[in-house]
């Protein structure tokens, strides 16, 4: 027999082989689809990569807030200790907030004088020209 005839017979598939190849192709597509769903869920799901990055950012912000609050608490603790133990601190606050003075001290009150308003007309009776214009 010629070689071309034997090869063509070997390449031909039976209907059972065609069905098995089709089933294999369907299984491959299903596996690809399931894999794609798993990857998408790993990225954007409830416990996915994006949720983890959001949680880490929120954790960093909260840690910074806690550090700031702890520093504020330490400052307030130090101020409370000074107010309990240091009479000079109490005197400083009494002078600053209550305006108290010691006997024999003189108090001078200096008031700021408001500058003359620009909207009042000058002595000539005419209002000043708008900026950029000449009379």
N, C-alpha and C. Protein backbone atom coordinates (compact mmCIF):
# COMPACT_ATOMS: atom_id res chain seq x y z
N UNK A 1 0.82 -1.19 0.00
CA UNK A 1 0.00 0.00 0.00
C UNK A 1 0.86 1.24 0.00
N UNK A 2 0.37 2.26 -0.68
CA UNK A 2 1.15 3.50 -0.69
C UNK A 2 1.09 4.17 0.68
N UNK A 3 2.13 4.94 0.96
CA UNK A 3 2.24 5.59 2.27
C UNK A 3 1.13 6.63 2.48
N UNK A 4 0.74 7.33 1.48
CA UNK A 4 -0.27 8.38 1.61
C UNK A 4 -1.60 7.79 2.06
N UNK A 5 -1.91 6.62 1.63
CA UNK A 5 -3.18 5.99 2.00
C UNK A 5 -3.14 5.57 3.46
N UNK A 6 -2.03 5.02 3.94
CA UNK A 6 -1.95 4.58 5.33
C UNK A 6 -1.98 5.78 6.28
N UNK A 7 -1.37 6.87 5.88
CA UNK A 7 -1.39 8.05 6.75
C UNK A 7 -2.80 8.62 6.86
N UNK A 8 -3.51 8.70 5.77
CA UNK A 8 -4.85 9.26 5.81
C UNK A 8 -5.77 8.40 6.66
N UNK A 9 -5.55 7.10 6.65
CA UNK A 9 -6.37 6.24 7.49
C UNK A 9 -6.02 6.44 8.96
N UNK A 10 -4.77 6.69 9.26
CA UNK A 10 -4.36 6.88 10.64
C UNK A 10 -4.87 8.21 11.18
N UNK A 11 -5.02 9.23 10.34
CA UNK A 11 -5.46 10.54 10.80
C UNK A 11 -6.96 10.58 11.02
N UNK A 12 -7.70 9.75 10.41
CA UNK A 12 -9.15 9.79 10.56
C UNK A 12 -9.56 9.36 11.95
N UNK A 13 -10.54 10.11 12.50
CA UNK A 13 -11.01 9.77 13.85
C UNK A 13 -12.38 9.13 13.75
N UNK A 14 -12.61 8.32 14.69
CA UNK A 14 -13.93 7.69 14.76
C UNK A 14 -14.87 8.65 15.50
N UNK A 15 -16.14 8.48 15.40
CA UNK A 15 -17.08 9.36 16.12
C UNK A 15 -16.86 9.31 17.64
N UNK A 16 -16.43 8.22 18.20
CA UNK A 16 -16.17 8.13 19.63
C UNK A 16 -14.96 8.99 20.00
N UNK A 17 -13.95 8.98 19.13
CA UNK A 17 -12.76 9.80 19.39
C UNK A 17 -13.10 11.29 19.27
N UNK A 18 -13.95 11.67 18.32
CA UNK A 18 -14.35 13.06 18.18
C UNK A 18 -15.09 13.53 19.43
N UNK A 19 -15.95 12.70 19.96
CA UNK A 19 -16.70 13.05 21.18
C UNK A 19 -15.77 13.19 22.37
N UNK A 20 -14.76 12.32 22.47
CA UNK A 20 -13.81 12.41 23.58
C UNK A 20 -12.98 13.69 23.46
N UNK A 21 -12.58 14.08 22.28
CA UNK A 21 -11.82 15.32 22.08
C UNK A 21 -12.68 16.54 22.42
N UNK A 22 -13.93 16.48 22.07
CA UNK A 22 -14.86 17.58 22.39
C UNK A 22 -15.05 17.69 23.90
N UNK A 23 -15.18 16.55 24.57
CA UNK A 23 -15.33 16.55 26.03
C UNK A 23 -14.06 17.11 26.70
N UNK A 24 -12.92 16.73 26.17
CA UNK A 24 -11.66 17.22 26.73
C UNK A 24 -11.57 18.75 26.57
N UNK A 25 -12.01 19.25 25.42
CA UNK A 25 -11.99 20.70 25.20
C UNK A 25 -12.96 21.40 26.17
N UNK A 26 -14.11 20.84 26.40
CA UNK A 26 -15.07 21.42 27.36
C UNK A 26 -14.48 21.43 28.76
N UNK A 27 -13.80 20.35 29.15
CA UNK A 27 -13.18 20.28 30.47
C UNK A 27 -12.10 21.35 30.59
N UNK A 28 -11.32 21.54 29.57
CA UNK A 28 -10.28 22.58 29.59
C UNK A 28 -10.90 23.96 29.78
N UNK A 29 -11.97 24.26 29.04
CA UNK A 29 -12.62 25.56 29.16
C UNK A 29 -13.23 25.74 30.56
N UNK A 30 -13.82 24.68 31.11
CA UNK A 30 -14.39 24.76 32.46
C UNK A 30 -13.29 25.01 33.50
N UNK A 31 -12.17 24.32 33.36
CA UNK A 31 -11.05 24.53 34.28
C UNK A 31 -10.52 25.96 34.17
N UNK A 32 -10.42 26.47 32.96
CA UNK A 32 -9.97 27.84 32.76
C UNK A 32 -10.94 28.84 33.39
N UNK A 33 -12.23 28.60 33.23
CA UNK A 33 -13.25 29.47 33.80
C UNK A 33 -13.21 29.45 35.33
N UNK A 34 -13.11 28.27 35.91
CA UNK A 34 -13.04 28.14 37.38
C UNK A 34 -11.77 28.80 37.90
N UNK A 35 -10.67 28.61 37.21
CA UNK A 35 -9.41 29.26 37.61
C UNK A 35 -9.53 30.77 37.57
N UNK A 36 -10.17 31.30 36.54
CA UNK A 36 -10.36 32.74 36.43
C UNK A 36 -11.21 33.26 37.58
N UNK A 37 -12.26 32.53 37.94
CA UNK A 37 -13.11 32.94 39.06
C UNK A 37 -12.32 32.94 40.37
N UNK A 38 -11.49 31.95 40.58
CA UNK A 38 -10.68 31.89 41.80
C UNK A 38 -9.70 33.05 41.87
N UNK A 39 -9.07 33.38 40.75
CA UNK A 39 -8.11 34.50 40.72
C UNK A 39 -8.83 35.82 41.00
N UNK A 40 -9.98 36.03 40.37
CA UNK A 40 -10.74 37.28 40.59
C UNK A 40 -11.18 37.37 42.05
N UNK A 41 -11.64 36.26 42.62
CA UNK A 41 -12.04 36.27 44.03
C UNK A 41 -10.85 36.56 44.94
N UNK A 42 -9.68 36.04 44.59
CA UNK A 42 -8.49 36.30 45.41
C UNK A 42 -8.08 37.77 45.35
N UNK A 43 -8.39 38.45 44.26
CA UNK A 43 -8.04 39.87 44.13
C UNK A 43 -9.07 40.78 44.77
N UNK A 44 -10.35 40.59 44.48
CA UNK A 44 -11.36 41.54 44.90
C UNK A 44 -12.38 40.98 45.87
N UNK A 45 -12.23 39.80 46.34
CA UNK A 45 -13.19 39.21 47.27
C UNK A 45 -13.12 39.84 48.65
N UNK A 46 -13.96 39.32 49.56
CA UNK A 46 -14.00 39.84 50.93
C UNK A 46 -12.66 39.73 51.63
N UNK A 47 -11.93 38.70 51.33
CA UNK A 47 -10.61 38.50 51.94
C UNK A 47 -9.51 38.55 50.88
N UNK A 48 -9.76 39.28 49.82
CA UNK A 48 -8.82 39.35 48.72
C UNK A 48 -7.70 40.35 48.95
N UNK A 49 -6.89 40.50 47.94
CA UNK A 49 -5.72 41.37 48.01
C UNK A 49 -6.11 42.83 48.23
N UNK A 50 -7.13 43.31 47.52
CA UNK A 50 -7.54 44.70 47.67
C UNK A 50 -8.09 44.97 49.06
N UNK A 51 -8.86 44.04 49.60
CA UNK A 51 -9.38 44.21 50.96
C UNK A 51 -8.24 44.21 51.97
N UNK A 52 -7.24 43.39 51.74
CA UNK A 52 -6.09 43.35 52.65
C UNK A 52 -5.33 44.67 52.60
N UNK A 53 -5.14 45.23 51.41
CA UNK A 53 -4.44 46.51 51.28
C UNK A 53 -5.22 47.63 51.96
N UNK A 54 -6.56 47.63 51.81
CA UNK A 54 -7.39 48.63 52.48
C UNK A 54 -7.27 48.49 53.99
N UNK A 55 -7.31 47.27 54.49
CA UNK A 55 -7.20 47.04 55.93
C UNK A 55 -5.84 47.47 56.46
N UNK A 56 -4.79 47.22 55.70
CA UNK A 56 -3.45 47.63 56.13
C UNK A 56 -3.33 49.16 56.18
N UNK A 57 -3.91 49.85 55.21
CA UNK A 57 -3.89 51.32 55.20
C UNK A 57 -4.66 51.86 56.40
N UNK A 58 -5.82 51.28 56.67
CA UNK A 58 -6.60 51.72 57.83
C UNK A 58 -5.85 51.45 59.13
N UNK A 59 -5.17 50.32 59.21
CA UNK A 59 -4.37 49.99 60.39
C UNK A 59 -3.27 51.03 60.61
N UNK A 60 -2.58 51.40 59.54
CA UNK A 60 -1.51 52.40 59.65
C UNK A 60 -2.06 53.75 60.12
N UNK A 61 -3.23 54.13 59.59
CA UNK A 61 -3.83 55.40 60.02
C UNK A 61 -4.22 55.34 61.50
N UNK A 62 -4.80 54.24 61.92
CA UNK A 62 -5.21 54.10 63.32
C UNK A 62 -3.99 54.06 64.24
N UNK A 63 -2.92 53.41 63.81
CA UNK A 63 -1.71 53.37 64.63
C UNK A 63 -1.13 54.77 64.79
N UNK A 64 -1.16 55.57 63.74
CA UNK A 64 -0.67 56.95 63.83
C UNK A 64 -1.55 57.77 64.76
N UNK A 65 -2.86 57.57 64.70
CA UNK A 65 -3.78 58.28 65.59
C UNK A 65 -3.53 57.90 67.04
N UNK A 66 -3.31 56.63 67.29
CA UNK A 66 -3.04 56.17 68.65
C UNK A 66 -1.74 56.78 69.17
N UNK A 67 -0.71 56.82 68.34
CA UNK A 67 0.57 57.41 68.76
C UNK A 67 0.38 58.89 69.09
N UNK A 68 -0.41 59.60 68.27
CA UNK A 68 -0.67 61.02 68.51
C UNK A 68 -1.42 61.21 69.84
N UNK A 69 -2.42 60.38 70.08
CA UNK A 69 -3.20 60.48 71.32
C UNK A 69 -2.35 60.14 72.54
N UNK A 70 -1.46 59.17 72.41
CA UNK A 70 -0.58 58.83 73.54
C UNK A 70 0.35 59.99 73.87
N UNK A 71 0.85 60.66 72.84
CA UNK A 71 1.71 61.83 73.08
C UNK A 71 0.92 62.93 73.78
N UNK A 72 -0.32 63.15 73.35
CA UNK A 72 -1.17 64.14 74.00
C UNK A 72 -1.45 63.78 75.45
N UNK A 73 -1.69 62.49 75.71
CA UNK A 73 -1.93 62.04 77.09
C UNK A 73 -0.70 62.26 77.96
N UNK A 74 0.48 61.99 77.41
CA UNK A 74 1.71 62.20 78.18
C UNK A 74 1.89 63.69 78.50
N UNK A 75 1.59 64.55 77.53
CA UNK A 75 1.69 65.99 77.76
C UNK A 75 0.71 66.43 78.85
N UNK A 76 -0.52 65.93 78.80
CA UNK A 76 -1.51 66.30 79.81
C UNK A 76 -1.13 65.75 81.20
N UNK A 77 -0.57 64.54 81.23
CA UNK A 77 -0.11 63.98 82.51
C UNK A 77 0.98 64.85 83.13
N UNK A 78 1.90 65.31 82.28
CA UNK A 78 2.98 66.17 82.76
C UNK A 78 2.43 67.50 83.26
N UNK A 79 1.47 68.06 82.55
CA UNK A 79 0.86 69.33 82.98
C UNK A 79 0.12 69.14 84.31
N UNK A 80 -0.59 68.04 84.46
CA UNK A 80 -1.30 67.77 85.72
C UNK A 80 -0.30 67.62 86.87
N UNK A 81 0.82 66.93 86.62
CA UNK A 81 1.84 66.78 87.65
C UNK A 81 2.40 68.13 88.06
N UNK A 82 2.66 68.99 87.06
CA UNK A 82 3.19 70.33 87.36
C UNK A 82 2.20 71.14 88.18
N UNK A 83 0.91 71.04 87.84
CA UNK A 83 -0.09 71.80 88.58
C UNK A 83 -0.23 71.31 90.02
N UNK A 84 0.03 70.05 90.26
CA UNK A 84 -0.04 69.51 91.62
C UNK A 84 1.19 69.91 92.43
N UNK A 85 2.35 69.87 91.80
CA UNK A 85 3.60 70.00 92.55
C UNK A 85 4.28 71.36 92.43
N UNK A 86 4.02 72.13 91.41
CA UNK A 86 4.78 73.35 91.14
C UNK A 86 3.90 74.58 91.32
N UNK A 87 4.12 75.38 92.37
CA UNK A 87 3.30 76.58 92.57
C UNK A 87 3.52 77.62 91.46
N UNK A 88 4.70 77.64 90.85
CA UNK A 88 4.95 78.59 89.76
C UNK A 88 4.03 78.32 88.57
N UNK A 89 3.71 77.05 88.32
CA UNK A 89 2.81 76.71 87.21
C UNK A 89 1.41 77.21 87.52
N UNK A 90 0.97 77.08 88.76
CA UNK A 90 -0.36 77.56 89.13
C UNK A 90 -0.40 79.08 89.00
N UNK A 91 0.64 79.76 89.44
CA UNK A 91 0.70 81.22 89.34
C UNK A 91 0.67 81.65 87.87
N UNK A 92 1.40 80.96 87.04
CA UNK A 92 1.43 81.30 85.60
C UNK A 92 0.04 81.23 84.99
N UNK A 93 -0.70 80.18 85.31
CA UNK A 93 -2.04 80.03 84.75
C UNK A 93 -2.98 81.08 85.32
N UNK A 94 -2.85 81.36 86.63
CA UNK A 94 -3.71 82.38 87.24
C UNK A 94 -3.46 83.75 86.61
N UNK A 95 -2.23 84.08 86.34
CA UNK A 95 -1.92 85.36 85.71
C UNK A 95 -2.44 85.41 84.27
N UNK A 96 -2.20 84.34 83.53
CA UNK A 96 -2.57 84.32 82.11
C UNK A 96 -4.07 84.26 81.89
N UNK A 97 -4.76 83.33 82.55
CA UNK A 97 -6.17 83.10 82.25
C UNK A 97 -7.11 83.98 83.09
N UNK A 98 -6.73 84.27 84.33
CA UNK A 98 -7.62 85.02 85.21
C UNK A 98 -7.23 86.49 85.33
N UNK A 99 -6.05 86.85 84.84
CA UNK A 99 -5.60 88.23 84.90
C UNK A 99 -5.25 88.68 86.32
N UNK A 100 -4.87 87.76 87.18
CA UNK A 100 -4.53 88.11 88.56
C UNK A 100 -3.14 88.74 88.63
N UNK A 101 -2.95 89.59 89.66
CA UNK A 101 -1.66 90.24 89.86
C UNK A 101 -1.26 90.10 91.32
N UNK A 102 0.01 90.30 91.58
CA UNK A 102 0.50 90.29 92.96
C UNK A 102 0.26 91.66 93.60
N UNK A 103 0.20 91.70 94.93
CA UNK A 103 0.07 93.00 95.58
C UNK A 103 1.29 93.86 95.27
N UNK A 104 1.05 95.12 94.94
CA UNK A 104 2.12 96.05 94.64
C UNK A 104 2.44 96.15 93.16
N UNK A 105 1.93 95.24 92.32
CA UNK A 105 2.18 95.31 90.88
C UNK A 105 1.19 96.29 90.25
N UNK A 106 1.60 96.91 89.18
CA UNK A 106 0.73 97.82 88.43
C UNK A 106 0.39 97.16 87.09
N UNK A 107 -0.84 97.33 86.67
CA UNK A 107 -1.30 96.75 85.41
C UNK A 107 -1.52 97.87 84.42
N UNK A 108 -0.97 97.73 83.25
CA UNK A 108 -1.19 98.67 82.16
C UNK A 108 -1.95 97.94 81.07
N UNK A 109 -3.08 98.49 80.67
CA UNK A 109 -3.89 97.88 79.62
C UNK A 109 -3.69 98.70 78.36
N UNK A 110 -3.22 98.05 77.32
CA UNK A 110 -2.96 98.71 76.04
C UNK A 110 -4.01 98.20 75.06
N UNK A 111 -4.76 99.13 74.50
CA UNK A 111 -5.79 98.75 73.52
C UNK A 111 -5.29 99.11 72.13
N UNK A 112 -5.57 98.28 71.20
CA UNK A 112 -5.24 98.56 69.80
C UNK A 112 -6.24 99.56 69.26
N UNK A 113 -5.76 100.55 68.52
CA UNK A 113 -6.63 101.54 67.90
C UNK A 113 -6.88 101.08 66.47
N UNK A 114 -8.15 101.05 66.11
CA UNK A 114 -8.52 100.61 64.76
C UNK A 114 -8.08 101.66 63.75
N UNK A 115 -7.53 101.25 62.60
CA UNK A 115 -7.13 102.22 61.57
C UNK A 115 -8.37 102.88 60.99
N UNK A 116 -8.25 104.12 60.49
CA UNK A 116 -9.42 104.78 59.90
C UNK A 116 -9.92 103.97 58.71
N UNK A 117 -11.23 103.90 58.58
CA UNK A 117 -11.80 103.07 57.51
C UNK A 117 -11.55 103.71 56.15
N UNK A 118 -11.39 102.92 55.15
CA UNK A 118 -11.10 103.37 53.79
C UNK A 118 -12.37 103.82 53.08
N UNK A 119 -13.54 103.43 53.59
CA UNK A 119 -14.78 103.76 52.90
C UNK A 119 -15.25 105.18 53.18
N UNK A 120 -14.74 105.85 54.22
CA UNK A 120 -15.15 107.23 54.53
C UNK A 120 -14.56 108.17 53.48
N UNK A 121 -15.36 109.13 52.97
CA UNK A 121 -14.83 110.06 51.96
C UNK A 121 -13.82 111.02 52.58
N UNK A 122 -12.81 111.43 51.81
CA UNK A 122 -11.84 112.38 52.33
C UNK A 122 -12.47 113.74 52.54
N UNK A 123 -11.70 114.68 53.06
CA UNK A 123 -12.23 115.99 53.41
C UNK A 123 -12.79 116.72 52.21
N UNK A 124 -12.35 116.45 51.01
CA UNK A 124 -12.82 117.12 49.81
C UNK A 124 -14.26 116.78 49.48
N UNK A 125 -14.83 115.75 50.03
CA UNK A 125 -16.21 115.38 49.82
C UNK A 125 -16.40 114.35 48.73
N UNK A 126 -15.41 114.11 47.90
CA UNK A 126 -15.54 113.11 46.84
C UNK A 126 -14.89 111.81 47.29
N UNK A 127 -15.52 110.70 46.96
CA UNK A 127 -14.89 109.42 47.32
C UNK A 127 -13.65 109.20 46.47
N UNK A 128 -12.71 108.43 46.96
CA UNK A 128 -11.50 108.17 46.17
C UNK A 128 -11.83 107.39 44.92
N UNK A 129 -11.05 107.59 43.85
CA UNK A 129 -11.32 106.84 42.61
C UNK A 129 -10.98 105.38 42.80
N UNK A 130 -11.63 104.51 42.01
CA UNK A 130 -11.29 103.08 42.09
C UNK A 130 -9.83 102.88 41.71
N UNK A 131 -9.22 101.82 42.19
CA UNK A 131 -7.81 101.56 41.87
C UNK A 131 -7.60 101.48 40.36
N UNK A 132 -6.54 102.10 39.90
CA UNK A 132 -6.19 102.04 38.49
C UNK A 132 -6.75 103.19 37.68
N UNK A 133 -7.61 104.05 38.26
CA UNK A 133 -8.17 105.19 37.52
C UNK A 133 -7.63 106.48 38.12
N UNK A 134 -7.45 107.52 37.26
CA UNK A 134 -6.98 108.82 37.71
C UNK A 134 -8.07 109.85 37.51
N UNK A 135 -8.06 110.92 38.32
CA UNK A 135 -9.06 111.98 38.16
C UNK A 135 -8.67 112.95 37.10
